[in-house]
PDB file of N, CA and C in Angstrom:
ATOM      1  N   MET A   1      -1.220  10.234  22.697  1.00  0.00           N
ATOM      2  CA  MET A   1      -2.610  10.405  22.287  1.00  0.00           C
ATOM      3  C   MET A   1      -2.717  10.229  20.775  1.00  0.00           C
ATOM      4  N   LYS A   2      -3.676   9.416  20.358  1.00  0.00           N
ATOM      5  CA  LYS A   2      -3.864   9.177  18.930  1.00  0.00           C
ATOM      6  C   LYS A   2      -4.679  10.303  18.328  1.00  0.00           C
ATOM      7  N   ARG A   3      -4.323  10.654  17.112  1.00  0.00           N
ATOM      8  CA  ARG A   3      -5.088  11.684  16.415  1.00  0.00           C
ATOM      9  C   ARG A   3      -5.954  11.022  15.357  1.00  0.00           C
ATOM     10  N   PRO A   4      -7.163  11.500  15.152  1.00  0.00           N
ATOM     11  CA  PRO A   4      -8.019  10.893  14.141  1.00  0.00           C
ATOM     12  C   PRO A   4      -7.483  11.177  12.749  1.00  0.00           C
ATOM     13  N   ALA A   5      -7.651  10.218  11.872  1.00  0.00           N
ATOM     14  CA  ALA A   5      -7.131  10.352  10.518  1.00  0.00           C
ATOM     15  C   ALA A   5      -8.039  11.177   9.631  1.00  0.00           C
ATOM     16  N   GLY A   6      -9.302  11.196   9.939  1.00  0.00           N
ATOM     17  CA  GLY A   6     -10.238  11.878   9.058  1.00  0.00           C
ATOM     18  C   GLY A   6     -10.417  11.057   7.792  1.00  0.00           C
ATOM     19  N   GLY A   7     -10.786  11.695   6.701  1.00  0.00           N
ATOM     20  CA  GLY A   7     -10.947  10.984   5.443  1.00  0.00           C
ATOM     21  C   GLY A   7      -9.620  10.852   4.726  1.00  0.00           C
ATOM     22  N   ILE A   8      -9.445   9.780   4.024  1.00  0.00           N
ATOM     23  CA  ILE A   8      -8.236   9.646   3.215  1.00  0.00           C
ATOM     24  C   ILE A   8      -8.562  10.250   1.865  1.00  0.00           C
ATOM     25  N   GLY A   9      -7.903  11.334   1.575  1.00  0.00           N
ATOM     26  CA  GLY A   9      -8.112  12.030   0.324  1.00  0.00           C
ATOM     27  C   GLY A   9      -6.839  12.739  -0.074  1.00  0.00           C
ATOM     28  N   GLY A  10      -6.918  13.534  -1.113  1.00  0.00           N
ATOM     29  CA  GLY A  10      -5.741  14.227  -1.621  1.00  0.00           C
ATOM     30  C   GLY A  10      -5.059  15.120  -0.610  1.00  0.00           C
ATOM     31  N   GLY A  11      -5.825  15.826   0.217  1.00  0.00           N
ATOM     32  CA  GLY A  11      -5.234  16.750   1.168  1.00  0.00           C
ATOM     33  C   GLY A  11      -5.001  16.139   2.539  1.00  0.00           C
ATOM     34  N   ASP A  12      -5.287  14.874   2.687  1.00  0.00           N
ATOM     35  CA  ASP A  12      -5.177  14.223   3.989  1.00  0.00           C
ATOM     36  C   ASP A  12      -3.732  13.880   4.311  1.00  0.00           C
ATOM     37  N   GLU A  13      -3.371  13.975   5.575  1.00  0.00           N
ATOM     38  CA  GLU A  13      -1.990  13.702   5.989  1.00  0.00           C
ATOM     39  C   GLU A  13      -1.651  12.219   5.964  1.00  0.00           C
ATOM     40  N   VAL A  14      -2.634  11.338   5.985  1.00  0.00           N
ATOM     41  CA  VAL A  14      -2.389   9.903   5.999  1.00  0.00           C
ATOM     42  C   VAL A  14      -2.034   9.381   4.604  1.00  0.00           C
ATOM     43  N   ALA A  15      -2.632   9.926   3.583  1.00  0.00           N
ATOM     44  CA  ALA A  15      -2.386   9.464   2.216  1.00  0.00           C
ATOM     45  C   ALA A  15      -0.905   9.497   1.846  1.00  0.00           C
ATOM     46  N   PRO A  16      -0.166  10.574   2.120  1.00  0.00           N
ATOM     47  CA  PRO A  16       1.263  10.566   1.789  1.00  0.00           C
ATOM     48  C   PRO A  16       2.057   9.513   2.563  1.00  0.00           C
ATOM     49  N   LEU A  17       1.635   9.220   3.787  1.00  0.00           N
ATOM     50  CA  LEU A  17       2.304   8.176   4.568  1.00  0.00           C
ATOM     51  C   LEU A  17       2.114   6.812   3.913  1.00  0.00           C
ATOM     52  N   ILE A  18       0.886   6.527   3.513  1.00  0.00           N
ATOM     53  CA  ILE A  18       0.598   5.251   2.857  1.00  0.00           C
ATOM     54  C   ILE A  18       1.317   5.178   1.510  1.00  0.00           C
ATOM     55  N   ASP A  19       1.282   6.260   0.758  1.00  0.00           N
ATOM     56  CA  ASP A  19       1.966   6.278  -0.543  1.00  0.00           C
ATOM     57  C   ASP A  19       3.458   6.010  -0.384  1.00  0.00           C
ATOM     58  N   ALA A  20       4.066   6.591   0.629  1.00  0.00           N
ATOM     59  CA  ALA A  20       5.501   6.376   0.871  1.00  0.00           C
ATOM     60  C   ALA A  20       5.776   4.914   1.213  1.00  0.00           C
ATOM     61  N   MET A  21       4.902   4.309   2.005  1.00  0.00           N
ATOM     62  CA  MET A  21       5.068   2.891   2.337  1.00  0.00           C
ATOM     63  C   MET A  21       4.969   2.031   1.086  1.00  0.00           C
ATOM     64  N   LEU A  22       4.025   2.363   0.209  1.00  0.00           N
ATOM     65  CA  LEU A  22       3.858   1.602  -1.027  1.00  0.00           C
ATOM     66  C   LEU A  22       5.038   1.792  -1.971  1.00  0.00           C
ATOM     67  N   ARG A  23       5.604   2.989  -2.000  1.00  0.00           N
ATOM     68  CA  ARG A  23       6.753   3.225  -2.869  1.00  0.00           C
ATOM     69  C   ARG A  23       7.963   2.389  -2.437  1.00  0.00           C
ATOM     70  N   SER A  24       8.062   2.122  -1.139  1.00  0.00           N
ATOM     71  CA  SER A  24       9.176   1.307  -0.664  1.00  0.00           C
ATOM     72  C   SER A  24       8.896  -0.185  -0.845  1.00  0.00           C
ATOM     73  N   GLU A  25       7.614  -0.576  -0.805  1.00  0.00           N
ATOM     74  CA  GLU A  25       7.235  -1.978  -0.999  1.00  0.00           C
ATOM     75  C   GLU A  25       5.791  -2.017  -1.495  1.00  0.00           C
ATOM     76  N   VAL A  26       5.629  -2.065  -2.804  1.00  0.00           N
ATOM     77  CA  VAL A  26       4.313  -1.898  -3.418  1.00  0.00           C
ATOM     78  C   VAL A  26       3.317  -3.000  -3.035  1.00  0.00           C
ATOM     79  N   LEU A  27       3.782  -4.173  -2.676  1.00  0.00           N
ATOM     80  CA  LEU A  27       2.886  -5.267  -2.322  1.00  0.00           C
ATOM     81  C   LEU A  27       2.664  -5.405  -0.812  1.00  0.00           C
ATOM     82  N   LEU A  28       2.998  -4.377  -0.070  1.00  0.00           N
ATOM     83  CA  LEU A  28       2.795  -4.381   1.378  1.00  0.00           C
ATOM     84  C   LEU A  28       1.321  -4.589   1.696  1.00  0.00           C
ATOM     85  N   LYS A  29       1.039  -5.482   2.627  1.00  0.00           N
ATOM     86  CA  LYS A  29      -0.349  -5.801   2.976  1.00  0.00           C
ATOM     87  C   LYS A  29      -1.010  -4.646   3.725  1.00  0.00           C
ATOM     88  N   ALA A  30      -2.316  -4.546   3.544  1.00  0.00           N
ATOM     89  CA  ALA A  30      -3.095  -3.505   4.223  1.00  0.00           C
ATOM     90  C   ALA A  30      -2.972  -3.618   5.736  1.00  0.00           C
ATOM     91  N   SER A  31      -2.918  -4.841   6.240  1.00  0.00           N
ATOM     92  CA  SER A  31      -2.814  -5.026   7.691  1.00  0.00           C
ATOM     93  C   SER A  31      -1.500  -4.475   8.229  1.00  0.00           C
ATOM     94  N   VAL A  32      -0.428  -4.630   7.470  1.00  0.00           N
ATOM     95  CA  VAL A  32       0.878  -4.114   7.880  1.00  0.00           C
ATOM     96  C   VAL A  32       0.875  -2.590   7.843  1.00  0.00           C
ATOM     97  N   ILE A  33       0.310  -2.029   6.782  1.00  0.00           N
ATOM     98  CA  ILE A  33       0.226  -0.572   6.663  1.00  0.00           C
ATOM     99  C   ILE A  33      -0.608  -0.001   7.808  1.00  0.00           C
ATOM    100  N   HIS A  34      -1.741  -0.615   8.086  1.00  0.00           N
ATOM    101  CA  HIS A  34      -2.602  -0.154   9.175  1.00  0.00           C
ATOM    102  C   HIS A  34      -1.850  -0.202  10.499  1.00  0.00           C
ATOM    103  N   GLU A  35      -1.168  -1.307  10.748  1.00  0.00           N
ATOM    104  CA  GLU A  35      -0.420  -1.452  11.997  1.00  0.00           C
ATOM    105  C   GLU A  35       0.662  -0.379  12.131  1.00  0.00           C
ATOM    106  N   ARG A  36       1.360  -0.094  11.047  1.00  0.00           N
ATOM    107  CA  ARG A  36       2.415   0.935  11.084  1.00  0.00           C
ATOM    108  C   ARG A  36       1.842   2.321  11.305  1.00  0.00           C
ATOM    109  N   LEU A  37       0.701   2.605  10.690  1.00  0.00           N
ATOM    110  CA  LEU A  37       0.065   3.905  10.898  1.00  0.00           C
ATOM    111  C   LEU A  37      -0.304   4.098  12.369  1.00  0.00           C
ATOM    112  N   VAL A  38      -0.863   3.059  12.962  1.00  0.00           N
ATOM    113  CA  VAL A  38      -1.303   3.135  14.352  1.00  0.00           C
ATOM    114  C   VAL A  38      -0.111   3.203  15.299  1.00  0.00           C
ATOM    115  N   GLN A  39       0.849   2.299  15.122  1.00  0.00           N
ATOM    116  CA  GLN A  39       1.964   2.210  16.065  1.00  0.00           C
ATOM    117  C   GLN A  39       3.036   3.271  15.853  1.00  0.00           C
ATOM    118  N   ASP A  40       3.440   3.479  14.602  1.00  0.00           N
ATOM    119  CA  ASP A  40       4.566   4.378  14.330  1.00  0.00           C
ATOM    120  C   ASP A  40       4.165   5.839  14.183  1.00  0.00           C
ATOM    121  N   HIS A  41       2.923   6.082  13.744  1.00  0.00           N
ATOM    122  CA  HIS A  41       2.512   7.457  13.463  1.00  0.00           C
ATOM    123  C   HIS A  41       1.364   7.929  14.349  1.00  0.00           C
ATOM    124  N   ALA A  42       0.938   7.091  15.289  1.00  0.00           N
ATOM    125  CA  ALA A  42      -0.130   7.430  16.232  1.00  0.00           C
ATOM    126  C   ALA A  42      -1.393   7.939  15.542  1.00  0.00           C
ATOM    127  N   VAL A  43      -1.737   7.296  14.438  1.00  0.00           N
ATOM    128  CA  VAL A  43      -2.936   7.660  13.686  1.00  0.00           C
ATOM    129  C   VAL A  43      -4.043   6.678  14.053  1.00  0.00           C
ATOM    130  N   SER A  44      -5.204   7.194  14.373  1.00  0.00           N
ATOM    131  CA  SER A  44      -6.365   6.356  14.634  1.00  0.00           C
ATOM    132  C   SER A  44      -7.167   6.271  13.344  1.00  0.00           C
ATOM    133  N   ILE A  45      -7.120   5.108  12.717  1.00  0.00           N
ATOM    134  CA  ILE A  45      -7.787   4.939  11.425  1.00  0.00           C
ATOM    135  C   ILE A  45      -8.364   3.540  11.348  1.00  0.00           C
ATOM    136  N   ASN A  46      -9.491   3.418  10.717  1.00  0.00           N
ATOM    137  CA  ASN A  46     -10.149   2.137  10.533  1.00  0.00           C
ATOM    138  C   ASN A  46      -9.404   1.336   9.465  1.00  0.00           C
ATOM    139  N   TYR A  47      -9.196   0.060   9.736  1.00  0.00           N
ATOM    140  CA  TYR A  47      -8.514  -0.833   8.788  1.00  0.00           C
ATOM    141  C   TYR A  47      -9.202  -0.828   7.424  1.00  0.00           C
ATOM    142  N   GLN A  48     -10.537  -0.816   7.425  1.00  0.00           N
ATOM    143  CA  GLN A  48     -11.286  -0.832   6.172  1.00  0.00           C
ATOM    144  C   GLN A  48     -10.982   0.401   5.321  1.00  0.00           C
ATOM    145  N   ARG A  49     -10.767   1.537   5.947  1.00  0.00           N
ATOM    146  CA  ARG A  49     -10.427   2.759   5.195  1.00  0.00           C
ATOM    147  C   ARG A  49      -9.083   2.598   4.495  1.00  0.00           C
ATOM    148  N   VAL A  50      -8.153   1.945   5.183  1.00  0.00           N
ATOM    149  CA  VAL A  50      -6.840   1.693   4.585  1.00  0.00           C
ATOM    150  C   VAL A  50      -7.006   0.786   3.364  1.00  0.00           C
ATOM    151  N   LYS A  51      -7.792  -0.285   3.517  1.00  0.00           N
ATOM    152  CA  LYS A  51      -8.017  -1.202   2.400  1.00  0.00           C
ATOM    153  C   LYS A  51      -8.648  -0.490   1.203  1.00  0.00           C
ATOM    154  N   LEU A  52      -9.633   0.344   1.472  1.00  0.00           N
ATOM    155  CA  LEU A  52     -10.291   1.073   0.382  1.00  0.00           C
ATOM    156  C   LEU A  52      -9.327   2.028  -0.318  1.00  0.00           C
ATOM    157  N   TYR A  53      -8.500   2.719   0.462  1.00  0.00           N
ATOM    158  CA  TYR A  53      -7.537   3.636  -0.133  1.00  0.00           C
ATOM    159  C   TYR A  53      -6.524   2.873  -0.988  1.00  0.00           C
ATOM    160  N   LEU A  54      -6.111   1.695  -0.535  1.00  0.00           N
ATOM    161  CA  LEU A  54      -5.134   0.902  -1.274  1.00  0.00           C
ATOM    162  C   LEU A  54      -5.651   0.454  -2.640  1.00  0.00           C
ATOM    163  N   GLN A  55      -6.959   0.277  -2.768  1.00  0.00           N
ATOM    164  CA  GLN A  55      -7.534  -0.103  -4.061  1.00  0.00           C
ATOM    165  C   GLN A  55      -7.223   0.940  -5.130  1.00  0.00           C
ATOM    166  N   GLU A  56      -7.164   2.191  -4.741  1.00  0.00           N
ATOM    167  CA  GLU A  56      -6.828   3.273  -5.676  1.00  0.00           C
ATOM    168  C   GLU A  56      -5.329   3.532  -5.725  1.00  0.00           C
ATOM    169  N   ALA A  57      -4.698   3.500  -4.571  1.00  0.00           N
ATOM    170  CA  ALA A  57      -3.299   3.927  -4.477  1.00  0.00           C
ATOM    171  C   ALA A  57      -2.316   2.907  -5.035  1.00  0.00           C
ATOM    172  N   ARG A  58      -2.537   1.623  -4.770  1.00  0.00           N
ATOM    173  CA  ARG A  58      -1.566   0.614  -5.192  1.00  0.00           C
ATOM    174  C   ARG A  58      -1.341   0.603  -6.712  1.00  0.00           C
ATOM    175  N   PRO A  59      -2.395   0.595  -7.544  1.00  0.00           N
ATOM    176  CA  PRO A  59      -2.160   0.636  -8.991  1.00  0.00           C
ATOM    177  C   PRO A  59      -1.471   1.928  -9.447  1.00  0.00           C
ATOM    178  N   ARG A  60      -1.824   3.038  -8.805  1.00  0.00           N
ATOM    179  CA  ARG A  60      -1.216   4.327  -9.164  1.00  0.00           C
ATOM    180  C   ARG A  60       0.276   4.331  -8.840  1.00  0.00           C
ATOM    181  N   ILE A  61       0.631   3.869  -7.653  1.00  0.00           N
ATOM    182  CA  ILE A  61       2.040   3.830  -7.243  1.00  0.00           C
ATOM    183  C   ILE A  61       2.797   2.821  -8.103  1.00  0.00           C
ATOM    184  N   ALA A  62       2.187   1.677  -8.380  1.00  0.00           N
ATOM    185  CA  ALA A  62       2.830   0.660  -9.220  1.00  0.00           C
ATOM    186  C   ALA A  62       3.153   1.235 -10.597  1.00  0.00           C
ATOM    187  N   GLU A  63       2.217   2.004 -11.145  1.00  0.00           N
ATOM    188  CA  GLU A  63       2.450   2.630 -12.450  1.00  0.00           C
ATOM    189  C   GLU A  63       3.609   3.613 -12.378  1.00  0.00           C
ATOM    190  N   GLU A  64       3.678   4.399 -11.301  1.00  0.00           N
ATOM    191  CA  GLU A  64       4.797   5.326 -11.104  1.00  0.00           C
ATOM    192  C   GLU A  64       6.128   4.581 -11.067  1.00  0.00           C
ATOM    193  N   LEU A  65       6.108   3.374 -10.497  1.00  0.00           N
ATOM    194  CA  LEU A  65       7.328   2.581 -10.355  1.00  0.00           C
ATOM    195  C   LEU A  65       7.628   1.735 -11.593  1.00  0.00           C
ATOM    196  N   GLY A  66       6.747   1.821 -12.596  1.00  0.00           N
ATOM    197  CA  GLY A  66       6.958   1.064 -13.825  1.00  0.00           C
ATOM    198  C   GLY A  66       6.558  -0.396 -13.709  1.00  0.00           C
ATOM    199  N   ILE A  67       5.671  -0.694 -12.782  1.00  0.00           N
ATOM    200  CA  ILE A  67       5.181  -2.058 -12.592  1.00  0.00           C
ATOM    201  C   ILE A  67       3.808  -2.150 -13.234  1.00  0.00           C
ATOM    202  N   GLY A  68       3.668  -3.070 -14.168  1.00  0.00           N
ATOM    203  CA  GLY A  68       2.409  -3.231 -14.874  1.00  0.00           C
ATOM    204  C   GLY A  68       1.386  -4.004 -14.073  1.00  0.00           C
ATOM    205  N   PRO A  69       0.113  -3.929 -14.484  1.00  0.00           N
ATOM    206  CA  PRO A  69      -0.954  -4.637 -13.771  1.00  0.00           C
ATOM    207  C   PRO A  69      -0.726  -6.145 -13.685  1.00  0.00           C
ATOM    208  N   ALA A  70      -0.186  -6.739 -14.744  1.00  0.00           N
ATOM    209  CA  ALA A  70       0.055  -8.186 -14.730  1.00  0.00           C
ATOM    210  C   ALA A  70       1.106  -8.551 -13.684  1.00  0.00           C
ATOM    211  N   GLU A  71       2.149  -7.743 -13.589  1.00  0.00           N
ATOM    212  CA  GLU A  71       3.189  -7.995 -12.588  1.00  0.00           C
ATOM    213  C   GLU A  71       2.665  -7.785 -11.175  1.00  0.00           C
ATOM    214  N   LEU A  72       1.797  -6.825 -11.025  1.00  0.00           N
ATOM    215  CA  LEU A  72       1.231  -6.517  -9.718  1.00  0.00           C
ATOM    216  C   LEU A  72       0.314  -7.644  -9.244  1.00  0.00           C
ATOM    217  N   ALA A  73      -0.401  -8.264 -10.178  1.00  0.00           N
ATOM    218  CA  ALA A  73      -1.361  -9.307  -9.825  1.00  0.00           C
ATOM    219  C   ALA A  73      -0.726 -10.683  -9.697  1.00  0.00           C
ATOM    220  N   ALA A  74       0.416 -10.909 -10.349  1.00  0.00           N
ATOM    221  CA  ALA A  74       1.035 -12.235 -10.351  1.00  0.00           C
ATOM    222  C   ALA A  74       1.669 -12.549  -9.000  1.00  0.00           C
ATOM    223  N   PRO A  75       1.417 -13.744  -8.481  1.00  0.00           N
ATOM    224  CA  PRO A  75       2.096 -14.144  -7.249  1.00  0.00           C
ATOM    225  C   PRO A  75       3.603 -14.226  -7.460  1.00  0.00           C
ATOM    226  N   THR A  76       4.368 -14.014  -6.411  1.00  0.00           N
ATOM    227  CA  THR A  76       5.825 -14.008  -6.499  1.00  0.00           C
ATOM    228  C   THR A  76       6.368 -15.318  -7.046  1.00  0.00           C
ATOM    229  N   TRP A  77       5.794 -16.449  -6.637  1.00  0.00           N
ATOM    230  CA  TRP A  77       6.322 -17.732  -7.078  1.00  0.00           C
ATOM    231  C   TRP A  77       6.173 -17.922  -8.577  1.00  0.00           C
ATOM    232  N   VAL A  78       5.151 -17.307  -9.194  1.00  0.00           N
ATOM    233  CA  VAL A  78       4.960 -17.423 -10.636  1.00  0.00           C
ATOM    234  C   VAL A  78       6.081 -16.707 -11.366  1.00  0.00           C
ATOM    235  N   SER A  79       6.424 -15.489 -10.952  1.00  0.00           N
ATOM    236  CA  SER A  79       7.465 -14.746 -11.651  1.00  0.00           C
ATOM    237  C   SER A  79       8.829 -15.400 -11.457  1.00  0.00           C
ATOM    238  N   ARG A  80       9.094 -15.959 -10.273  1.00  0.00           N
ATOM    239  CA  ARG A  80      10.364 -16.646 -10.053  1.00  0.00           C
ATOM    240  C   ARG A  80      10.445 -17.913 -10.884  1.00  0.00           C
ATOM    241  N   ARG A  81       9.357 -18.647 -10.930  1.00  0.00           N
ATOM    242  CA  ARG A  81       9.339 -19.903 -11.671  1.00  0.00           C
ATOM    243  C   ARG A  81       9.517 -19.680 -13.165  1.00  0.00           C
ATOM    244  N   SER A  82       8.923 -18.620 -13.694  1.00  0.00           N
ATOM    245  CA  SER A  82       9.000 -18.370 -15.126  1.00  0.00           C
ATOM    246  C   SER A  82      10.394 -17.932 -15.563  1.00  0.00           C
ATOM    247  N   THR A  83      11.243 -17.491 -14.639  1.00  0.00           N
ATOM    248  CA  THR A  83      12.589 -17.058 -15.012  1.00  0.00           C
ATOM    249  C   THR A  83      13.623 -18.168 -14.918  1.00  0.00           C
ATOM    250  N   ARG A  84      13.221 -19.306 -14.323  1.00  0.00           N
ATOM    251  CA  ARG A  84      14.153 -20.443 -14.224  1.00  0.00           C
ATOM    252  C   ARG A  84      14.223 -21.194 -15.541  1.00  0.00           C
ATOM    253  N   SER A  85      15.399 -21.679 -15.849  1.00  0.00           N
ATOM    254  CA  SER A  85      15.526 -22.517 -17.025  1.00  0.00           C
ATOM    255  C   SER A  85      15.425 -23.972 -16.582  1.00  0.00           C
ATOM    256  N   THR A  86      14.766 -24.788 -17.394  1.00  0.00           N
ATOM    257  CA  THR A  86      14.588 -26.189 -17.023  1.00  0.00           C
ATOM    258  C   THR A  86      15.485 -27.109 -17.762  1.00  0.00           C
TER     259      THR A  86
END
């Protein structure tokens, strides 16, 4: 039986789950996080709520991990390309 997630906020049980997922992979897509919440944790939550929470959580977690906004926004191929010598 799925349990409702309620609101995602500071005291909500879903927020720490999402934060933990982001700490392991900060660029994890919202669709993947939503799928894991539903399948692995039996949480009934709207995908849009996950996306909205990620707008706040991803920059915060990235800062905790020492990842700057420019690194967070840059596509992976850009950072790999800039480190190659020609």
